Amino acid sequence: MLPSMTDDDLRMLRQDFWDDRYGSSPQIWSGNPNPHLVDRVARLAPGRAVDVGSGEGADALWLAERGWRVTAIDVSPVALRKGAERAAAVGAEVAERITWTRADVLEWGPDAGAFDLVSAQFMHLPPEPRAALFTRLAAGVAPGGTLLIVGHHPVDLAPEGYRHLHHMRFTAEEVAGLLDPEAWEVVLADAPARTVERPDGVVTMHDARLEARRRA
């Protein structure tokens, strides 16, 4: 077992867990791109992007539609197939800009300086593997490129049934602490609030957002 990884952690990270989840219904997410990605990336010139934990492909599609060449990474071939099918339905021009790649984020990392944008939206791991992954992702950003990492903030209590995974939440400041200040400019490190409707009522949640630019 990897350091700091419990049996529950490992279950949540296995391919079969996500294959079962993505196979349980035609669509498990909204189909919309993550709003923080849209908010922060719409102003950037398109280039080479990697979407880590791409799921059913909403973020990858949004990027490709705006001219980015995207590598979509996920552990689940079921999710990747759904993303590829959705891209094909949008059109060949968009579909050909996306490469769908199955990879385990506990081991995978981009080549050094390979991407102008590295995006990880709600990619949650226990502390030690998380720090290792985010460090690898930072190494994959090209000079002048952007690292964008968003996740659930630990100030919020996880929903019932997920509270044993609270240690997978993180702050933007934790992620910023992994970056060499001589090599990086932290553009944004905050935790904006949003409201979410749950079966038990409307709750306020906070998202950790880290946007950093690698100095050219």
C-alpha atoms as a PDB file:
ATOM      1  CA  MET A   1       0.000   0.000   0.000  1.00  0.00           C
ATOM      2  CA  LEU A   2       1.269   3.482  -0.840  1.00  0.00           C
ATOM      3  CA  PRO A   3       2.109   5.853   2.039  1.00  0.00           C
ATOM      4  CA  SER A   4      -0.997   7.433   3.633  1.00  0.00           C
ATOM      5  CA  MET A   5      -3.324   5.312   1.486  1.00  0.00           C
ATOM      6  CA  THR A   6      -6.127   3.444   3.248  1.00  0.00           C
ATOM      7  CA  ASP A   7      -8.219   0.675   1.725  1.00  0.00           C
ATOM      8  CA  ASP A   8     -11.022   3.215   1.158  1.00  0.00           C
ATOM      9  CA  ASP A   9      -8.567   5.538  -0.602  1.00  0.00           C
ATOM     10  CA  LEU A  10      -7.407   2.788  -2.919  1.00  0.00           C
ATOM     11  CA  ARG A  11     -10.970   1.699  -3.699  1.00  0.00           C
ATOM     12  CA  MET A  12     -11.829   5.252  -4.806  1.00  0.00           C
ATOM     13  CA  LEU A  13      -8.817   5.388  -7.115  1.00  0.00           C
ATOM     14  CA  ARG A  14      -9.142   2.037  -8.867  1.00  0.00           C
ATOM     15  CA  GLN A  15     -10.176   1.737 -12.485  1.00  0.00           C
ATOM     16  CA  ASP A  16     -12.961  -0.733 -11.698  1.00  0.00           C
ATOM     17  CA  PHE A  17     -14.575   1.714  -9.222  1.00  0.00           C
ATOM     18  CA  TRP A  18     -14.769   4.452 -11.869  1.00  0.00           C
ATOM     19  CA  ASP A  19     -15.708   2.082 -14.692  1.00  0.00           C
ATOM     20  CA  ASP A  20     -18.655   0.910 -12.580  1.00  0.00           C
ATOM     21  CA  ARG A  21     -19.649   4.464 -11.733  1.00  0.00           C
ATOM     22  CA  TYR A  22     -19.434   5.775 -15.290  1.00  0.00           C
ATOM     23  CA  GLY A  23     -21.220   2.683 -16.541  1.00  0.00           C
ATOM     24  CA  SER A  24     -24.065   3.055 -14.037  1.00  0.00           C
ATOM     25  CA  SER A  25     -25.920   5.711 -16.077  1.00  0.00           C
ATOM     26  CA  PRO A  26     -25.680   7.427 -19.458  1.00  0.00           C
ATOM     27  CA  GLN A  27     -24.194  10.534 -17.803  1.00  0.00           C
ATOM     28  CA  ILE A  28     -23.114  11.125 -14.204  1.00  0.00           C
ATOM     29  CA  TRP A  29     -21.928  14.752 -14.455  1.00  0.00           C
ATOM     30  CA  SER A  30     -23.754  17.830 -15.715  1.00  0.00           C
ATOM     31  CA  GLY A  31     -22.067  17.873 -19.124  1.00  0.00           C
ATOM     32  CA  ASN A  32     -20.987  21.482 -18.524  1.00  0.00           C
ATOM     33  CA  PRO A  33     -17.340  22.564 -18.187  1.00  0.00           C
ATOM     34  CA  ASN A  34     -16.139  23.385 -14.696  1.00  0.00           C
ATOM     35  CA  PRO A  35     -16.962  27.063 -14.096  1.00  0.00           C
ATOM     36  CA  HIS A  36     -13.543  27.887 -12.629  1.00  0.00           C
ATOM     37  CA  LEU A  37     -11.891  26.569 -15.780  1.00  0.00           C
ATOM     38  CA  VAL A  38     -14.147  28.764 -17.915  1.00  0.00           C
ATOM     39  CA  ASP A  39     -13.573  31.784 -15.682  1.00  0.00           C
ATOM     40  CA  ARG A  40      -9.783  31.547 -15.642  1.00  0.00           C
ATOM     41  CA  VAL A  41      -8.952  30.117 -19.077  1.00  0.00           C
ATOM     42  CA  ALA A  42     -11.298  32.025 -21.392  1.00  0.00           C
ATOM     43  CA  ARG A  43      -8.789  34.903 -21.478  1.00  0.00           C
ATOM     44  CA  LEU A  44      -5.815  32.693 -22.459  1.00  0.00           C
ATOM     45  CA  ALA A  45      -4.581  32.158 -26.001  1.00  0.00           C
ATOM     46  CA  PRO A  46      -5.127  28.503 -27.019  1.00  0.00           C
ATOM     47  CA  GLY A  47      -2.174  26.154 -27.095  1.00  0.00           C
ATOM     48  CA  ARG A  48      -1.441  22.678 -25.727  1.00  0.00           C
ATOM     49  CA  ALA A  49      -3.523  21.607 -22.715  1.00  0.00           C
ATOM     50  CA  VAL A  50      -3.871  18.560 -20.511  1.00  0.00           C
ATOM     51  CA  ASP A  51      -7.093  17.851 -18.605  1.00  0.00           C
ATOM     52  CA  VAL A  52      -6.237  15.576 -15.677  1.00  0.00           C
ATOM     53  CA  GLY A  53      -9.165  13.475 -14.513  1.00  0.00           C
ATOM     54  CA  SER A  54     -11.161  14.323 -17.617  1.00  0.00           C
ATOM     55  CA  GLY A  55     -14.179  12.146 -16.829  1.00  0.00           C
ATOM     56  CA  GLU A  56     -16.865  12.388 -19.499  1.00  0.00           C
ATOM     57  CA  GLY A  57     -14.918  15.115 -21.250  1.00  0.00           C
ATOM     58  CA  ALA A  58     -16.829  18.372 -20.700  1.00  0.00           C
ATOM     59  CA  ASP A  59     -13.681  20.386 -19.916  1.00  0.00           C
ATOM     60  CA  ALA A  60     -11.690  18.826 -22.773  1.00  0.00           C
ATOM     61  CA  LEU A  61     -14.489  19.599 -25.216  1.00  0.00           C
ATOM     62  CA  TRP A  62     -14.800  23.198 -24.030  1.00  0.00           C
ATOM     63  CA  LEU A  63     -11.069  23.687 -24.525  1.00  0.00           C
ATOM     64  CA  ALA A  64     -11.024  22.013 -27.939  1.00  0.00           C
ATOM     65  CA  GLU A  65     -13.946  24.109 -29.129  1.00  0.00           C
ATOM     66  CA  ARG A  66     -11.810  27.163 -28.367  1.00  0.00           C
ATOM     67  CA  GLY A  67      -8.829  25.938 -30.341  1.00  0.00           C
ATOM     68  CA  TRP A  68      -6.788  24.141 -27.679  1.00  0.00           C
ATOM     69  CA  ARG A  69      -5.093  20.846 -28.482  1.00  0.00           C
ATOM     70  CA  VAL A  70      -6.053  18.706 -25.519  1.00  0.00           C
ATOM     71  CA  THR A  71      -4.757  15.541 -23.903  1.00  0.00           C
ATOM     72  CA  ALA A  72      -7.594  14.142 -21.775  1.00  0.00           C
ATOM     73  CA  ILE A  73      -6.350  11.861 -18.990  1.00  0.00           C
ATOM     74  CA  ASP A  74      -8.536   9.488 -16.980  1.00  0.00           C
ATOM     75  CA  VAL A  75      -8.193   6.114 -15.291  1.00  0.00           C
ATOM     76  CA  SER A  76     -11.519   4.885 -16.703  1.00  0.00           C
ATOM     77  CA  PRO A  77     -11.790   3.685 -20.313  1.00  0.00           C
ATOM     78  CA  VAL A  78     -15.571   3.927 -19.913  1.00  0.00           C
ATOM     79  CA  ALA A  79     -15.326   7.660 -19.192  1.00  0.00           C
ATOM     80  CA  LEU A  80     -12.873   8.169 -22.045  1.00  0.00           C
ATOM     81  CA  ARG A  81     -15.155   6.363 -24.485  1.00  0.00           C
ATOM     82  CA  LYS A  82     -18.060   8.586 -23.447  1.00  0.00           C
ATOM     83  CA  GLY A  83     -15.912  11.674 -23.932  1.00  0.00           C
ATOM     84  CA  ALA A  84     -14.743  10.540 -27.372  1.00  0.00           C
ATOM     85  CA  GLU A  85     -18.323   9.775 -28.434  1.00  0.00           C
ATOM     86  CA  ARG A  86     -19.469  13.199 -27.307  1.00  0.00           C
ATOM     87  CA  ALA A  87     -16.585  14.857 -29.152  1.00  0.00           C
ATOM     88  CA  ALA A  88     -17.430  12.964 -32.336  1.00  0.00           C
ATOM     89  CA  ALA A  89     -21.023  14.151 -32.052  1.00  0.00           C
ATOM     90  CA  VAL A  90     -19.829  17.757 -31.825  1.00  0.00           C
ATOM     91  CA  GLY A  91     -17.830  17.391 -35.026  1.00  0.00           C
ATOM     92  CA  ALA A  92     -14.602  16.168 -36.561  1.00  0.00           C
ATOM     93  CA  GLU A  93     -12.807  19.519 -36.217  1.00  0.00           C
ATOM     94  CA  VAL A  94     -13.237  19.464 -32.440  1.00  0.00           C
ATOM     95  CA  ALA A  95     -12.762  15.707 -32.037  1.00  0.00           C
ATOM     96  CA  GLU A  96      -9.397  15.683 -33.786  1.00  0.00           C
ATOM     97  CA  ARG A  97      -8.022  18.211 -31.295  1.00  0.00           C
ATOM     98  CA  ILE A  98      -8.475  15.807 -28.359  1.00  0.00           C
ATOM     99  CA  THR A  99      -6.334  12.788 -27.504  1.00  0.00           C
ATOM    100  CA  TRP A 100      -8.079  10.477 -25.024  1.00  0.00           C
ATOM    101  CA  THR A 101      -5.504   8.718 -22.831  1.00  0.00           C
ATOM    102  CA  ARG A 102      -6.023   6.130 -20.123  1.00  0.00           C
ATOM    103  CA  ALA A 103      -3.569   6.630 -17.255  1.00  0.00           C
ATOM    104  CA  ASP A 104      -3.314   6.103 -13.505  1.00  0.00           C
ATOM    105  CA  VAL A 105      -2.574   9.478 -11.874  1.00  0.00           C
ATOM    106  CA  LEU A 106      -0.740   7.728  -9.023  1.00  0.00           C
ATOM    107  CA  GLU A 107       1.983   6.992 -11.580  1.00  0.00           C
ATOM    108  CA  TRP A 108       1.412   9.271 -14.574  1.00  0.00           C
ATOM    109  CA  GLY A 109       3.005  12.650 -15.149  1.00  0.00           C
ATOM    110  CA  PRO A 110       3.404  14.895 -18.197  1.00  0.00           C
ATOM    111  CA  ASP A 111       6.716  15.361 -19.953  1.00  0.00           C
ATOM    112  CA  ALA A 112       8.632  18.385 -18.695  1.00  0.00           C
ATOM    113  CA  GLY A 113       7.327  21.614 -20.213  1.00  0.00           C
ATOM    114  CA  ALA A 114       4.905  19.762 -22.491  1.00  0.00           C
ATOM    115  CA  PHE A 115       1.794  21.929 -21.973  1.00  0.00           C
ATOM    116  CA  ASP A 116       0.749  25.566 -22.030  1.00  0.00           C
ATOM    117  CA  LEU A 117      -2.118  24.706 -19.668  1.00  0.00           C
ATOM    118  CA  VAL A 118      -2.235  21.974 -17.053  1.00  0.00           C
ATOM    119  CA  SER A 119      -5.703  21.700 -15.509  1.00  0.00           C
ATOM    120  CA  ALA A 120      -6.799  19.418 -12.669  1.00  0.00           C
ATOM    121  CA  GLN A 121     -10.384  20.053 -11.618  1.00  0.00           C
ATOM    122  CA  PHE A 122     -11.464  18.295  -8.417  1.00  0.00           C
ATOM    123  CA  MET A 123      -8.655  15.747  -8.566  1.00  0.00           C
ATOM    124  CA  HIS A 124      -8.598  14.433  -4.994  1.00  0.00           C
ATOM    125  CA  LEU A 125      -5.938  12.175  -3.502  1.00  0.00           C
ATOM    126  CA  PRO A 126      -4.564  11.640  -0.001  1.00  0.00           C
ATOM    127  CA  PRO A 127      -1.885  14.182   1.038  1.00  0.00           C
ATOM    128  CA  GLU A 128       1.335  12.430   0.012  1.00  0.00           C
ATOM    129  CA  PRO A 129       0.221  11.120  -3.412  1.00  0.00           C
ATOM    130  CA  ARG A 130      -1.545  14.446  -4.002  1.00  0.00           C
ATOM    131  CA  ALA A 131       1.617  16.465  -3.405  1.00  0.00           C
ATOM    132  CA  ALA A 132       3.570  14.109  -5.655  1.00  0.00           C
ATOM    133  CA  LEU A 133       0.999  14.400  -8.455  1.00  0.00           C
ATOM    134  CA  PHE A 134       0.708  18.185  -8.266  1.00  0.00           C
ATOM    135  CA  THR A 135       4.495  18.468  -8.315  1.00  0.00           C
ATOM    136  CA  ARG A 136       4.601  16.343 -11.472  1.00  0.00           C
ATOM    137  CA  LEU A 137       1.827  18.420 -13.031  1.00  0.00           C
ATOM    138  CA  ALA A 138       3.721  21.637 -12.315  1.00  0.00           C
ATOM    139  CA  ALA A 139       6.787  20.209 -14.051  1.00  0.00           C
ATOM    140  CA  GLY A 140       4.662  19.686 -17.164  1.00  0.00           C
ATOM    141  CA  VAL A 141       3.907  23.408 -17.605  1.00  0.00           C
ATOM    142  CA  ALA A 142       5.869  25.185 -20.334  1.00  0.00           C
ATOM    143  CA  PRO A 143       7.566  28.546 -19.659  1.00  0.00           C
ATOM    144  CA  GLY A 144       4.855  31.201 -19.706  1.00  0.00           C
ATOM    145  CA  GLY A 145       2.192  28.515 -19.237  1.00  0.00           C
ATOM    146  CA  THR A 146      -0.531  28.111 -16.634  1.00  0.00           C
ATOM    147  CA  LEU A 147      -1.173  25.612 -13.852  1.00  0.00           C
ATOM    148  CA  LEU A 148      -4.825  25.551 -12.731  1.00  0.00           C
ATOM    149  CA  ILE A 149      -5.827  23.300  -9.841  1.00  0.00           C
ATOM    150  CA  VAL A 150      -9.293  23.372  -8.246  1.00  0.00           C
ATOM    151  CA  GLY A 151     -10.693  21.192  -5.498  1.00  0.00           C
ATOM    152  CA  HIS A 152     -12.940  20.915  -2.479  1.00  0.00           C
ATOM    153  CA  HIS A 153     -11.739  23.034   0.439  1.00  0.00           C
ATOM    154  CA  PRO A 154     -11.379  21.344   3.861  1.00  0.00           C
ATOM    155  CA  VAL A 155     -13.333  24.141   5.588  1.00  0.00           C
ATOM    156  CA  ASP A 156     -16.508  22.424   4.368  1.00  0.00           C
ATOM    157  CA  LEU A 157     -17.820  19.225   5.879  1.00  0.00           C
ATOM    158  CA  ALA A 158     -18.016  16.453   3.289  1.00  0.00           C
ATOM    159  CA  PRO A 159     -21.489  15.037   2.546  1.00  0.00           C
ATOM    160  CA  GLU A 160     -22.712  12.070   4.550  1.00  0.00           C
ATOM    161  CA  GLY A 161     -21.051   8.925   3.249  1.00  0.00           C
ATOM    162  CA  TYR A 162     -17.862  10.727   2.184  1.00  0.00           C
ATOM    163  CA  ARG A 163     -16.601  12.135   5.476  1.00  0.00           C
ATOM    164  CA  HIS A 164     -13.954   9.428   5.788  1.00  0.00           C
ATOM    165  CA  LEU A 165     -12.384  11.003   2.648  1.00  0.00           C
ATOM    166  CA  HIS A 166     -12.101  14.487   4.161  1.00  0.00           C
ATOM    167  CA  HIS A 167      -8.293  14.201   4.140  1.00  0.00           C
ATOM    168  CA  MET A 168      -8.406  14.315   0.342  1.00  0.00           C
ATOM    169  CA  ARG A 169      -9.480  17.980   0.432  1.00  0.00           C
ATOM    170  CA  PHE A 170      -6.847  20.711   0.181  1.00  0.00           C
ATOM    171  CA  THR A 171      -6.262  24.450   0.173  1.00  0.00           C
ATOM    172  CA  ALA A 172      -4.840  26.583  -2.617  1.00  0.00           C
ATOM    173  CA  GLU A 173      -2.078  27.642  -0.239  1.00  0.00           C
ATOM    174  CA  GLU A 174      -1.005  24.010   0.159  1.00  0.00           C
ATOM    175  CA  VAL A 175      -0.638  23.695  -3.600  1.00  0.00           C
ATOM    176  CA  ALA A 176       1.186  27.030  -3.871  1.00  0.00           C
ATOM    177  CA  GLY A 177       3.635  25.781  -1.256  1.00  0.00           C
ATOM    178  CA  LEU A 178       4.781  23.086  -3.692  1.00  0.00           C
ATOM    179  CA  LEU A 179       5.934  25.692  -6.233  1.00  0.00           C
ATOM    180  CA  ASP A 180       9.361  27.327  -6.369  1.00  0.00           C
ATOM    181  CA  PRO A 181       8.650  31.090  -6.086  1.00  0.00           C
ATOM    182  CA  GLU A 182      11.624  31.853  -8.293  1.00  0.00           C
ATOM    183  CA  ALA A 183      10.059  29.794 -11.099  1.00  0.00           C
ATOM    184  CA  TRP A 184       6.392  30.602 -10.518  1.00  0.00           C
ATOM    185  CA  GLU A 185       4.072  33.582 -10.161  1.00  0.00           C
ATOM    186  CA  VAL A 186       0.975  32.731  -8.115  1.00  0.00           C
ATOM    187  CA  VAL A 187      -1.818  34.545  -9.942  1.00  0.00           C
ATOM    188  CA  LEU A 188      -4.654  33.340  -7.724  1.00  0.00           C
ATOM    189  CA  ALA A 189      -4.932  31.384  -4.484  1.00  0.00           C
ATOM    190  CA  ASP A 190      -8.359  31.633  -2.897  1.00  0.00           C
ATOM    191  CA  ALA A 191     -11.510  29.759  -1.839  1.00  0.00           C
ATOM    192  CA  PRO A 192     -14.650  31.344  -3.320  1.00  0.00           C
ATOM    193  CA  ALA A 193     -18.032  30.276  -1.982  1.00  0.00           C
ATOM    194  CA  ARG A 194     -20.879  28.766  -3.990  1.00  0.00           C
ATOM    195  CA  THR A 195     -24.290  27.384  -3.071  1.00  0.00           C
ATOM    196  CA  VAL A 196     -25.259  23.782  -3.766  1.00  0.00           C
ATOM    197  CA  GLU A 197     -28.649  22.107  -3.496  1.00  0.00           C
ATOM    198  CA  ARG A 198     -28.577  18.824  -1.594  1.00  0.00           C
ATOM    199  CA  PRO A 199     -31.374  16.528  -0.462  1.00  0.00           C
ATOM    200  CA  ASP A 200     -31.002  18.044   3.024  1.00  0.00           C
ATOM    201  CA  GLY A 201     -31.204  21.632   1.767  1.00  0.00           C
ATOM    202  CA  VAL A 202     -29.066  24.380   0.242  1.00  0.00           C
ATOM    203  CA  VAL A 203     -25.511  24.534   1.559  1.00  0.00           C
ATOM    204  CA  THR A 204     -22.576  26.874   1.008  1.00  0.00           C
ATOM    205  CA  MET A 205     -19.366  25.283  -0.257  1.00  0.00           C
ATOM    206  CA  HIS A 206     -15.881  26.600  -0.958  1.00  0.00           C
ATOM    207  CA  ASP A 207     -13.567  25.647  -3.792  1.00  0.00           C
ATOM    208  CA  ALA A 208      -9.793  25.857  -3.417  1.00  0.00           C
ATOM    209  CA  ARG A 209      -8.415  27.576  -6.546  1.00  0.00           C
ATOM    210  CA  LEU A 210      -4.755  27.789  -7.451  1.00  0.00           C
ATOM    211  CA  GLU A 211      -3.702  29.493 -10.676  1.00  0.00           C
ATOM    212  CA  ALA A 212       0.010  29.954 -11.259  1.00  0.00           C
ATOM    213  CA  ARG A 213       2.122  31.011 -14.228  1.00  0.00           C
ATOM    214  CA  ARG A 214       5.527  29.547 -14.899  1.00  0.00           C
ATOM    215  CA  ARG A 215       7.963  32.383 -15.431  1.00  0.00           C
ATOM    216  CA  ALA A 216       9.262  32.532 -18.983  1.00  0.00           C
END
